[in-house]
C-alpha atoms as a PDB file:
ATOM      1  CA  MET A   1       0.000   0.000   0.000  1.00  0.00           C
ATOM      2  CA  GLY A   2       1.345   3.397  -0.901  1.00  0.00           C
ATOM      3  CA  ALA A   3       2.375   5.948   1.664  1.00  0.00           C
ATOM      4  CA  VAL A   4      -0.376   8.255   0.449  1.00  0.00           C
ATOM      5  CA  ALA A   5      -3.150   5.834   1.442  1.00  0.00           C
ATOM      6  CA  ARG A   6      -1.655   4.730   4.772  1.00  0.00           C
ATOM      7  CA  ARG A   7      -2.358   7.882   6.757  1.00  0.00           C
ATOM      8  CA  PRO A   8      -6.032   8.323   5.812  1.00  0.00           C
ATOM      9  CA  MET A   9      -6.640   4.622   6.399  1.00  0.00           C
ATOM     10  CA  ALA A  10      -5.057   4.786   9.862  1.00  0.00           C
ATOM     11  CA  TRP A  11      -7.081   7.911  10.690  1.00  0.00           C
ATOM     12  CA  LEU A  12     -10.272   6.210   9.494  1.00  0.00           C
ATOM     13  CA  ALA A  13      -9.554   3.154  11.650  1.00  0.00           C
ATOM     14  CA  ALA A  14      -8.898   5.409  14.670  1.00  0.00           C
ATOM     15  CA  ILE A  15     -12.144   7.333  14.144  1.00  0.00           C
ATOM     16  CA  VAL A  16     -14.142   4.121  13.716  1.00  0.00           C
ATOM     17  CA  LEU A  17     -12.678   2.674  16.925  1.00  0.00           C
ATOM     18  CA  VAL A  18     -13.540   5.838  18.874  1.00  0.00           C
ATOM     19  CA  ALA A  19     -17.110   5.684  17.534  1.00  0.00           C
ATOM     20  CA  GLU A  20     -17.272   2.023  18.479  1.00  0.00           C
ATOM     21  CA  ALA A  21     -15.991   2.836  21.987  1.00  0.00           C
ATOM     22  CA  VAL A  22     -18.747   5.410  22.448  1.00  0.00           C
ATOM     23  CA  GLY A  23     -21.317   2.878  21.213  1.00  0.00           C
ATOM     24  CA  VAL A  24     -20.041   0.134  23.533  1.00  0.00           C
ATOM     25  CA  VAL A  25     -20.146   2.414  26.579  1.00  0.00           C
ATOM     26  CA  PHE A  26     -23.646   3.615  25.631  1.00  0.00           C
ATOM     27  CA  VAL A  27     -25.011   0.089  25.135  1.00  0.00           C
ATOM     28  CA  ASN A  28     -23.488  -1.098  28.409  1.00  0.00           C
ATOM     29  CA  GLY A  29     -24.968   1.956  30.146  1.00  0.00           C
ATOM     30  CA  VAL A  30     -28.416   1.114  28.820  1.00  0.00           C
ATOM     31  CA  LEU A  31     -28.013  -2.515  29.895  1.00  0.00           C
ATOM     32  CA  ALA A  32     -26.870  -1.411  33.355  1.00  0.00           C
ATOM     33  CA  MET A  33     -29.926   0.830  33.731  1.00  0.00           C
ATOM     34  CA  VAL A  34     -32.259  -1.987  32.651  1.00  0.00           C
ATOM     35  CA  VAL A  35     -30.653  -4.390  35.138  1.00  0.00           C
ATOM     36  CA  ASP A  36     -30.925  -1.802  37.922  1.00  0.00           C
ATOM     37  CA  ASN A  37     -34.504  -0.751  37.138  1.00  0.00           C
ATOM     38  CA  GLN A  38     -35.806  -4.304  36.799  1.00  0.00           C
ATOM     39  CA  GLN A  39     -33.853  -5.599  39.817  1.00  0.00           C
ATOM     40  CA  MET A  40     -32.624  -8.468  37.667  1.00  0.00           C
ATOM     41  CA  SER A  41     -30.145 -11.033  38.908  1.00  0.00           C
ATOM     42  CA  LEU A  42     -28.329 -13.925  37.341  1.00  0.00           C
ATOM     43  CA  ALA A  43     -27.876 -17.057  39.430  1.00  0.00           C
ATOM     44  CA  GLY A  44     -28.559 -15.125  42.618  1.00  0.00           C
ATOM     45  CA  VAL A  45     -26.016 -12.334  41.999  1.00  0.00           C
ATOM     46  CA  ASP A  46     -27.104  -9.025  43.518  1.00  0.00           C
ATOM     47  CA  SER A  47     -28.553  -6.609  40.957  1.00  0.00           C
ATOM     48  CA  GLY A  48     -26.272  -3.846  42.284  1.00  0.00           C
ATOM     49  CA  ALA A  49     -23.255  -5.983  41.510  1.00  0.00           C
ATOM     50  CA  MET A  50     -24.579  -6.662  38.022  1.00  0.00           C
ATOM     51  CA  PHE A  51     -25.197  -2.924  37.534  1.00  0.00           C
ATOM     52  CA  ALA A  52     -21.634  -2.091  38.586  1.00  0.00           C
ATOM     53  CA  GLY A  53     -20.151  -4.969  36.592  1.00  0.00           C
ATOM     54  CA  THR A  54     -21.959  -3.926  33.427  1.00  0.00           C
ATOM     55  CA  TRP A  55     -20.696  -0.356  33.762  1.00  0.00           C
ATOM     56  CA  ALA A  56     -17.184  -1.581  34.537  1.00  0.00           C
ATOM     57  CA  ALA A  57     -17.136  -3.935  31.555  1.00  0.00           C
ATOM     58  CA  GLY A  58     -18.392  -1.194  29.238  1.00  0.00           C
ATOM     59  CA  GLY A  59     -15.868   1.283  30.585  1.00  0.00           C
ATOM     60  CA  PHE A  60     -12.974  -1.155  30.325  1.00  0.00           C
ATOM     61  CA  PHE A  61     -13.804  -2.185  26.762  1.00  0.00           C
ATOM     62  CA  GLY A  62     -14.439   1.430  25.756  1.00  0.00           C
ATOM     63  CA  LEU A  63     -11.073   2.445  27.217  1.00  0.00           C
ATOM     64  CA  TYR A  64      -9.385  -0.447  25.392  1.00  0.00           C
ATOM     65  CA  LEU A  65     -10.864   0.710  22.087  1.00  0.00           C
ATOM     66  CA  VAL A  66      -9.801   4.306  22.751  1.00  0.00           C
ATOM     67  CA  VAL A  67      -6.240   3.114  23.477  1.00  0.00           C
ATOM     68  CA  CYS A  68      -6.264   1.205  20.170  1.00  0.00           C
ATOM     69  CA  ALA A  69      -7.561   4.323  18.411  1.00  0.00           C
ATOM     70  CA  GLY A  70      -4.824   6.386  20.055  1.00  0.00           C
ATOM     71  CA  ILE A  71      -2.165   3.994  18.790  1.00  0.00           C
ATOM     72  CA  LEU A  72      -3.612   4.234  15.287  1.00  0.00           C
ATOM     73  CA  ALA A  73      -3.812   8.041  15.482  1.00  0.00           C
ATOM     74  CA  ARG A  74      -0.184   8.230  16.642  1.00  0.00           C
ATOM     75  CA  THR A  75       0.754   5.921  13.792  1.00  0.00           C
ATOM     76  CA  ALA A  76      -1.028   8.195  11.320  1.00  0.00           C
ATOM     77  CA  VAL A  77       0.550  11.368  12.698  1.00  0.00           C
ATOM     78  CA  ARG A  78       4.081   9.962  12.713  1.00  0.00           C
ATOM     79  CA  ASP A  79       3.539   7.918   9.520  1.00  0.00           C
ATOM     80  CA  ARG A  80       5.596   5.125  11.071  1.00  0.00           C
ATOM     81  CA  ALA A  81       4.742   1.625  12.213  1.00  0.00           C
ATOM     82  CA  PRO A  82       3.698   1.299  15.850  1.00  0.00           C
ATOM     83  CA  GLY A  83       6.223  -0.168  18.265  1.00  0.00           C
ATOM     84  CA  ARG A  84       6.126  -3.665  19.682  1.00  0.00           C
ATOM     85  CA  PHE A  85       3.552  -2.825  22.378  1.00  0.00           C
ATOM     86  CA  GLY A  86       1.353  -0.979  19.873  1.00  0.00           C
ATOM     87  CA  ARG A  87       1.468  -3.857  17.410  1.00  0.00           C
ATOM     88  CA  ILE A  88       0.528  -6.337  20.132  1.00  0.00           C
ATOM     89  CA  VAL A  89      -2.421  -4.183  21.221  1.00  0.00           C
ATOM     90  CA  LEU A  90      -3.621  -3.791  17.634  1.00  0.00           C
ATOM     91  CA  ILE A  91      -3.279  -7.525  16.978  1.00  0.00           C
ATOM     92  CA  THR A  92      -5.388  -8.285  20.066  1.00  0.00           C
ATOM     93  CA  CYS A  93      -7.906  -5.699  18.856  1.00  0.00           C
ATOM     94  CA  ALA A  94      -8.163  -7.470  15.496  1.00  0.00           C
ATOM     95  CA  VAL A  95      -8.538 -10.868  17.190  1.00  0.00           C
ATOM     96  CA  VAL A  96     -11.250  -9.546  19.518  1.00  0.00           C
ATOM     97  CA  HIS A  97     -13.151  -8.138  16.554  1.00  0.00           C
ATOM     98  CA  GLY A  98     -12.852 -11.459  14.725  1.00  0.00           C
ATOM     99  CA  VAL A  99     -14.210 -13.412  17.691  1.00  0.00           C
ATOM    100  CA  LEU A 100     -16.994 -10.895  18.354  1.00  0.00           C
ATOM    101  CA  GLY A 101     -17.846 -10.924  14.663  1.00  0.00           C
ATOM    102  CA  ALA A 102     -18.240 -14.692  14.751  1.00  0.00           C
ATOM    103  CA  LEU A 103     -20.484 -14.425  17.818  1.00  0.00           C
ATOM    104  CA  THR A 104     -22.645 -11.661  16.347  1.00  0.00           C
ATOM    105  CA  VAL A 105     -23.711 -13.780  13.387  1.00  0.00           C
ATOM    106  CA  GLY A 106     -25.964 -15.912  15.564  1.00  0.00           C
ATOM    107  CA  LEU A 107     -26.950 -13.255  18.081  1.00  0.00           C
ATOM    108  CA  VAL A 108     -27.474 -10.128  15.971  1.00  0.00           C
ATOM    109  CA  GLY A 109     -27.217 -11.052  12.304  1.00  0.00           C
ATOM    110  CA  TRP A 110     -25.095 -10.804   9.200  1.00  0.00           C
ATOM    111  CA  THR A 111     -25.083  -7.011   9.087  1.00  0.00           C
ATOM    112  CA  ALA A 112     -23.411  -6.810  12.491  1.00  0.00           C
ATOM    113  CA  PHE A 113     -20.968  -9.484  11.343  1.00  0.00           C
ATOM    114  CA  ALA A 114     -20.094  -7.418   8.258  1.00  0.00           C
ATOM    115  CA  VAL A 115     -19.512  -4.323  10.408  1.00  0.00           C
ATOM    116  CA  MET A 116     -17.245  -6.215  12.806  1.00  0.00           C
ATOM    117  CA  MET A 117     -15.284  -7.707   9.916  1.00  0.00           C
ATOM    118  CA  ALA A 118     -14.910  -4.278   8.298  1.00  0.00           C
ATOM    119  CA  ILE A 119     -13.482  -2.880  11.538  1.00  0.00           C
ATOM    120  CA  MET A 120     -11.188  -5.875  11.881  1.00  0.00           C
ATOM    121  CA  GLY A 121     -10.094  -5.345   8.277  1.00  0.00           C
ATOM    122  CA  LEU A 122      -9.210  -1.710   8.974  1.00  0.00           C
ATOM    123  CA  VAL A 123      -7.077  -2.664  11.974  1.00  0.00           C
ATOM    124  CA  VAL A 124      -5.320  -5.460  10.072  1.00  0.00           C
ATOM    125  CA  LEU A 125      -4.780  -3.167   7.092  1.00  0.00           C
ATOM    126  CA  ALA A 126      -3.148  -0.618   9.386  1.00  0.00           C
ATOM    127  CA  LEU A 127      -0.844  -3.316  10.729  1.00  0.00           C
ATOM    128  CA  VAL A 128       0.109  -4.540   7.267  1.00  0.00           C
ATOM    129  CA  ALA A 129       0.416  -1.102   5.640  1.00  0.00           C
ATOM    130  CA  TYR A 130       2.937   0.063   8.213  1.00  0.00           C
ATOM    131  CA  GLU A 131       5.528  -2.676   7.963  1.00  0.00           C
ATOM    132  CA  THR A 132       8.352  -2.494  10.425  1.00  0.00           C
ATOM    133  CA  GLU A 133      11.347  -1.044   8.652  1.00  0.00           C
ATOM    134  CA  PRO A 134      14.975  -1.500   9.697  1.00  0.00           C
ATOM    135  CA  ARG A 135      16.489   1.556  11.348  1.00  0.00           C
ATOM    136  CA  PRO A 136      18.980   3.521   9.285  1.00  0.00           C
ATOM    137  CA  GLY A 137      22.529   2.348   9.863  1.00  0.00           C
ATOM    138  CA  LYS A 138      21.460  -1.070  11.149  1.00  0.00           C
ATOM    139  CA  ARG A 139      22.205  -4.054   9.003  1.00  0.00           C
ATOM    140  CA  THR A 140      20.117  -7.166   8.823  1.00  0.00           C
ATOM    141  CA  PRO A 141      21.765 -10.600   9.130  1.00  0.00           C
ATOM    142  CA  GLY A 142      21.489 -11.231   5.360  1.00  0.00           C
ATOM    143  CA  ASP A 143      23.309  -8.026   4.375  1.00  0.00           C
ATOM    144  CA  PRO A 144      26.832  -8.497   3.015  1.00  0.00           C
ATOM    145  CA  ALA A 145      29.762  -7.297   5.089  1.00  0.00           C
ATOM    146  CA  PRO A 146      31.436  -4.066   3.995  1.00  0.00           C
ATOM    147  CA  ALA A 147      34.276  -4.479   1.492  1.00  0.00           C
ATOM    148  CA  GLY A 148      37.604  -5.441   3.014  1.00  0.00           C
ATOM    149  CA  GLN A 149      36.141  -6.884   6.204  1.00  0.00           C
ATOM    150  CA  ALA A 150      37.460 -10.268   7.298  1.00  0.00           C
ATOM    151  CA  PRO A 151      35.222 -13.058   8.640  1.00  0.00           C
ATOM    152  CA  GLY A 152      34.864 -12.876  12.397  1.00  0.00           C
ATOM    153  CA  GLU A 153      35.677  -9.148  12.455  1.00  0.00           C
ATOM    154  CA  ARG A 154      33.163  -6.839  14.121  1.00  0.00           C
ATOM    155  CA  THR A 155      30.915  -4.823  11.823  1.00  0.00           C
ATOM    156  CA  PRO A 156      30.076  -1.147  12.478  1.00  0.00           C
ATOM    157  CA  ALA A 157      26.826  -2.316  14.081  1.00  0.00           C
ATOM    158  CA  GLY A 158      28.844  -4.433  16.530  1.00  0.00           C
ATOM    159  CA  ARG A 159      28.064  -7.803  14.961  1.00  0.00           C
ATOM    160  CA  VAL A 160      30.601 -10.415  13.933  1.00  0.00           C
ATOM    161  CA  ALA A 161      30.845 -10.840  10.146  1.00  0.00           C
ATOM    162  CA  SER A 162      30.261 -14.365   8.839  1.00  0.00           C
ATOM    163  CA  ASP A 163      32.214 -16.092   6.058  1.00  0.00           C
ATOM    164  CA  GLU A 164      29.381 -15.438   3.581  1.00  0.00           C
ATOM    165  CA  GLN A 165      29.272 -11.742   4.437  1.00  0.00           C
ATOM    166  CA  ALA A 166      33.038 -11.372   4.096  1.00  0.00           C
ATOM    167  CA  ARG A 167      33.052 -13.026   0.647  1.00  0.00           C
ATOM    168  CA  ALA A 168      30.393 -10.661  -0.708  1.00  0.00           C
END
């Protein structure tokens, strides 16, 4: 994917995740109010505990989505791949959307599944579009050794040159 399309795609994914976070918190708030107003319980659990748990779950998941959106926004601003922690968080976000998408088919329908898969696709596309690039001045193990360097001699990056690198 070209550099021109990476930034808008990352911004779009960040905006969609923020909108999803607001929706998740709203839906959990409505569910918490229903549980509290109806004095519902599940297997004898106090309705107050269910009210608090529903709000906590909505807040936690909403915060998680906002953190993912923040990582994507930072990626778009810097136009560089997220770091190791950011990549791990975005991978878990994509996996969560895949699992929730599979669950929504039976519970909500195919439209909800398509929405969840579209969001998952945006997150995965952001991960793939921003490939990790080697830092300038660092050599990868397959790079040939600089001319005139003997095998076993330290390279400028501090590595020991192999026989193959010295021959190149």
